[in-house]
Amino acid sequence: MRFQLIANVKDSELFRKSVHELGTIFYQTDDEDKIVLVVYFSGSRIVRYNGKVEGGLAKLIRSIGYKVSSIEVDEVQGYVKIVQD
């Protein structure tokens, strides 16, 4: 049996602890270039961050993450679909 973590979190420290170098962070911004959606994906984890993205967390996400146009998370099927323009 294979286990998978699918999480929606608001705590920035929990988000940081949930990501590692074996996965990828994707993020979307609004018209003012503020980060509005963050999703981490690895073979065994999908973590969606729903909290405020400010300060050090924003710097971390922008430095190691990938900006995309859209992110779709299907928790039932267990996949993340991204589009980058």
N, C-alpha and C. Protein backbone atom coordinates (compact mmCIF):
# COMPACT_ATOMS: atom_id res chain seq x y z
N MET A 1 0.84 -1.18 0.00
CA MET A 1 0.00 0.00 0.00
C MET A 1 0.89 1.24 0.00
N ARG A 2 0.57 2.17 -0.87
CA ARG A 2 1.33 3.42 -0.97
C ARG A 2 0.53 4.55 -0.35
N PHE A 3 1.17 5.31 0.52
CA PHE A 3 0.51 6.44 1.16
C PHE A 3 0.92 7.73 0.50
N GLN A 4 0.00 8.68 0.50
CA GLN A 4 0.27 9.98 -0.10
C GLN A 4 -0.30 11.05 0.81
N LEU A 5 0.44 12.15 0.96
CA LEU A 5 -0.02 13.28 1.74
C LEU A 5 -0.65 14.31 0.80
N ILE A 6 -1.88 14.68 1.11
CA ILE A 6 -2.56 15.77 0.41
C ILE A 6 -2.98 16.74 1.50
N ALA A 7 -2.41 17.95 1.49
CA ALA A 7 -2.65 18.88 2.58
C ALA A 7 -3.00 20.28 2.09
N ASN A 8 -3.88 20.93 2.82
CA ASN A 8 -4.18 22.34 2.64
C ASN A 8 -3.84 23.00 3.97
N VAL A 9 -2.82 23.86 3.98
CA VAL A 9 -2.33 24.42 5.24
C VAL A 9 -2.34 25.94 5.20
N LYS A 10 -2.46 26.55 6.39
CA LYS A 10 -2.40 28.00 6.54
C LYS A 10 -1.18 28.43 7.34
N ASP A 11 -0.56 27.51 8.03
CA ASP A 11 0.59 27.79 8.89
C ASP A 11 1.86 27.77 8.04
N SER A 12 2.56 28.91 7.96
CA SER A 12 3.74 28.99 7.10
C SER A 12 4.84 28.05 7.56
N GLU A 13 4.98 27.82 8.86
CA GLU A 13 6.02 26.90 9.35
C GLU A 13 5.70 25.47 8.96
N LEU A 14 4.45 25.09 9.03
CA LEU A 14 4.05 23.75 8.59
C LEU A 14 4.32 23.57 7.10
N PHE A 15 4.02 24.61 6.32
CA PHE A 15 4.31 24.54 4.89
C PHE A 15 5.80 24.33 4.66
N ARG A 16 6.64 25.13 5.33
CA ARG A 16 8.10 25.00 5.17
C ARG A 16 8.59 23.60 5.55
N LYS A 17 8.04 23.05 6.60
CA LYS A 17 8.45 21.70 7.04
C LYS A 17 7.95 20.61 6.10
N SER A 18 6.92 20.90 5.33
CA SER A 18 6.33 19.91 4.43
C SER A 18 7.03 19.82 3.08
N VAL A 19 7.86 20.82 2.75
CA VAL A 19 8.53 20.81 1.45
C VAL A 19 9.98 20.37 1.61
N HIS A 20 10.50 19.74 0.58
CA HIS A 20 11.91 19.35 0.55
C HIS A 20 12.41 19.41 -0.89
N GLU A 21 13.69 19.21 -1.06
CA GLU A 21 14.31 19.40 -2.38
C GLU A 21 13.89 18.38 -3.43
N LEU A 22 13.22 17.33 -3.03
CA LEU A 22 12.79 16.31 -4.00
C LEU A 22 11.51 16.68 -4.73
N GLY A 23 10.90 17.79 -4.33
CA GLY A 23 9.66 18.23 -4.97
C GLY A 23 9.82 19.60 -5.60
N THR A 24 8.71 20.15 -6.06
CA THR A 24 8.72 21.44 -6.75
C THR A 24 7.62 22.33 -6.20
N ILE A 25 7.94 23.62 -6.03
CA ILE A 25 6.95 24.61 -5.63
C ILE A 25 6.51 25.37 -6.87
N PHE A 26 5.20 25.50 -7.04
CA PHE A 26 4.61 26.29 -8.10
C PHE A 26 3.80 27.40 -7.45
N TYR A 27 3.78 28.58 -8.07
CA TYR A 27 2.98 29.66 -7.50
C TYR A 27 2.39 30.54 -8.58
N GLN A 28 1.27 31.19 -8.23
CA GLN A 28 0.59 32.14 -9.10
C GLN A 28 0.61 33.50 -8.42
N THR A 29 0.60 34.54 -9.25
CA THR A 29 0.52 35.91 -8.72
C THR A 29 -0.70 36.61 -9.30
N ASP A 30 -1.08 37.72 -8.64
CA ASP A 30 -2.17 38.54 -9.14
C ASP A 30 -1.60 39.65 -10.03
N ASP A 31 -2.43 40.59 -10.41
CA ASP A 31 -2.01 41.68 -11.30
C ASP A 31 -0.96 42.58 -10.66
N GLU A 32 -0.88 42.59 -9.34
CA GLU A 32 0.11 43.40 -8.63
C GLU A 32 1.35 42.60 -8.26
N ASP A 33 1.49 41.40 -8.81
CA ASP A 33 2.62 40.49 -8.58
C ASP A 33 2.69 39.98 -7.15
N LYS A 34 1.56 39.98 -6.43
CA LYS A 34 1.50 39.37 -5.10
C LYS A 34 1.21 37.89 -5.29
N ILE A 35 1.88 37.06 -4.53
CA ILE A 35 1.66 35.62 -4.60
C ILE A 35 0.29 35.30 -4.01
N VAL A 36 -0.54 34.62 -4.80
CA VAL A 36 -1.90 34.33 -4.36
C VAL A 36 -2.18 32.84 -4.20
N LEU A 37 -1.38 31.99 -4.81
CA LEU A 37 -1.58 30.54 -4.70
C LEU A 37 -0.22 29.86 -4.75
N VAL A 38 -0.02 28.94 -3.81
CA VAL A 38 1.24 28.20 -3.73
C VAL A 38 0.91 26.73 -3.58
N VAL A 39 1.55 25.89 -4.41
CA VAL A 39 1.37 24.45 -4.32
C VAL A 39 2.73 23.79 -4.42
N TYR A 40 2.98 22.87 -3.48
CA TYR A 40 4.20 22.06 -3.52
C TYR A 40 3.79 20.67 -3.98
N PHE A 41 4.57 20.10 -4.89
CA PHE A 41 4.27 18.76 -5.40
C PHE A 41 5.51 17.90 -5.40
N SER A 42 5.38 16.68 -4.90
CA SER A 42 6.40 15.65 -5.05
C SER A 42 5.67 14.35 -5.32
N GLY A 43 6.39 13.28 -5.50
CA GLY A 43 5.76 12.01 -5.79
C GLY A 43 4.81 11.52 -4.71
N SER A 44 5.00 11.98 -3.47
CA SER A 44 4.16 11.51 -2.38
C SER A 44 3.42 12.63 -1.65
N ARG A 45 3.56 13.88 -2.11
CA ARG A 45 2.93 15.00 -1.40
C ARG A 45 2.36 16.05 -2.34
N ILE A 46 1.20 16.53 -1.99
CA ILE A 46 0.63 17.74 -2.59
C ILE A 46 0.26 18.62 -1.40
N VAL A 47 0.92 19.77 -1.30
CA VAL A 47 0.66 20.68 -0.19
C VAL A 47 0.27 22.03 -0.78
N ARG A 48 -0.96 22.45 -0.49
CA ARG A 48 -1.45 23.75 -0.94
C ARG A 48 -1.39 24.70 0.25
N TYR A 49 -0.70 25.83 0.06
CA TYR A 49 -0.58 26.82 1.13
C TYR A 49 -1.62 27.90 0.94
N ASN A 50 -2.45 28.10 1.96
CA ASN A 50 -3.56 29.05 1.89
C ASN A 50 -3.38 30.24 2.83
N GLY A 51 -2.20 30.44 3.37
CA GLY A 51 -1.97 31.54 4.30
C GLY A 51 -1.39 32.75 3.61
N LYS A 52 -0.99 33.74 4.42
CA LYS A 52 -0.37 34.94 3.89
C LYS A 52 1.04 34.62 3.42
N VAL A 53 1.39 35.18 2.28
CA VAL A 53 2.73 34.98 1.71
C VAL A 53 3.44 36.32 1.80
N GLU A 54 4.26 36.47 2.84
CA GLU A 54 4.96 37.72 3.08
C GLU A 54 6.40 37.43 3.49
N GLY A 55 7.22 38.46 3.47
CA GLY A 55 8.57 38.41 4.01
C GLY A 55 9.42 37.26 3.51
N GLY A 56 9.99 36.52 4.47
CA GLY A 56 10.90 35.43 4.14
C GLY A 56 10.26 34.31 3.36
N LEU A 57 9.00 34.03 3.65
CA LEU A 57 8.32 32.97 2.90
C LEU A 57 8.17 33.36 1.44
N ALA A 58 7.81 34.61 1.18
CA ALA A 58 7.69 35.07 -0.21
C ALA A 58 9.03 34.98 -0.93
N LYS A 59 10.11 35.36 -0.24
CA LYS A 59 11.45 35.28 -0.84
C LYS A 59 11.81 33.84 -1.16
N LEU A 60 11.52 32.93 -0.23
CA LEU A 60 11.81 31.51 -0.44
C LEU A 60 11.04 30.99 -1.65
N ILE A 61 9.75 31.28 -1.71
CA ILE A 61 8.91 30.77 -2.80
C ILE A 61 9.39 31.32 -4.14
N ARG A 62 9.70 32.60 -4.20
CA ARG A 62 10.17 33.19 -5.45
C ARG A 62 11.55 32.67 -5.85
N SER A 63 12.39 32.33 -4.87
CA SER A 63 13.75 31.90 -5.20
C SER A 63 13.82 30.45 -5.66
N ILE A 64 13.00 29.57 -5.08
CA ILE A 64 13.11 28.17 -5.46
C ILE A 64 11.88 27.65 -6.20
N GLY A 65 10.80 28.46 -6.25
CA GLY A 65 9.57 28.04 -6.91
C GLY A 65 9.52 28.48 -8.36
N TYR A 66 8.49 28.04 -9.03
CA TYR A 66 8.27 28.37 -10.43
C TYR A 66 6.94 29.08 -10.58
N LYS A 67 6.99 30.26 -11.18
CA LYS A 67 5.78 31.04 -11.42
C LYS A 67 5.05 30.43 -12.61
N VAL A 68 3.74 30.20 -12.45
CA VAL A 68 2.93 29.61 -13.50
C VAL A 68 1.66 30.43 -13.67
N SER A 69 1.01 30.24 -14.81
CA SER A 69 -0.22 30.97 -15.11
C SER A 69 -1.43 30.40 -14.39
N SER A 70 -1.48 29.08 -14.29
CA SER A 70 -2.60 28.45 -13.60
C SER A 70 -2.16 27.16 -12.92
N ILE A 71 -2.84 26.87 -11.83
CA ILE A 71 -2.60 25.65 -11.07
C ILE A 71 -3.95 25.02 -10.78
N GLU A 72 -4.06 23.75 -11.09
CA GLU A 72 -5.28 22.99 -10.79
C GLU A 72 -4.88 21.79 -9.96
N VAL A 73 -5.50 21.63 -8.81
CA VAL A 73 -5.23 20.50 -7.93
C VAL A 73 -6.46 19.63 -7.88
N ASP A 74 -6.31 18.37 -8.26
CA ASP A 74 -7.40 17.40 -8.16
C ASP A 74 -7.04 16.45 -7.03
N GLU A 75 -7.66 16.67 -5.87
CA GLU A 75 -7.33 15.88 -4.70
C GLU A 75 -7.88 14.46 -4.79
N VAL A 76 -8.94 14.27 -5.54
CA VAL A 76 -9.52 12.94 -5.68
C VAL A 76 -8.59 12.05 -6.52
N GLN A 77 -8.14 12.57 -7.66
CA GLN A 77 -7.25 11.82 -8.54
C GLN A 77 -5.80 11.90 -8.08
N GLY A 78 -5.47 12.91 -7.27
CA GLY A 78 -4.12 13.05 -6.73
C GLY A 78 -3.13 13.63 -7.72
N TYR A 79 -3.54 14.65 -8.46
CA TYR A 79 -2.60 15.26 -9.41
C TYR A 79 -2.63 16.78 -9.32
N VAL A 80 -1.56 17.38 -9.83
CA VAL A 80 -1.46 18.82 -9.96
C VAL A 80 -1.22 19.13 -11.43
N LYS A 81 -2.06 19.99 -12.00
CA LYS A 81 -1.91 20.40 -13.40
C LYS A 81 -1.50 21.87 -13.40
N ILE A 82 -0.42 22.19 -14.10
CA ILE A 82 0.04 23.58 -14.19
C ILE A 82 0.12 23.99 -15.65
N VAL A 83 -0.01 25.30 -15.88
CA VAL A 83 0.19 25.89 -17.19
C VAL A 83 1.11 27.08 -17.00
N GLN A 84 2.14 27.15 -17.82
CA GLN A 84 3.07 28.28 -17.76
C GLN A 84 3.07 28.95 -19.13
N ASP A 85 2.73 30.24 -19.16
CA ASP A 85 2.72 31.00 -20.40
C ASP A 85 4.03 31.72 -20.60
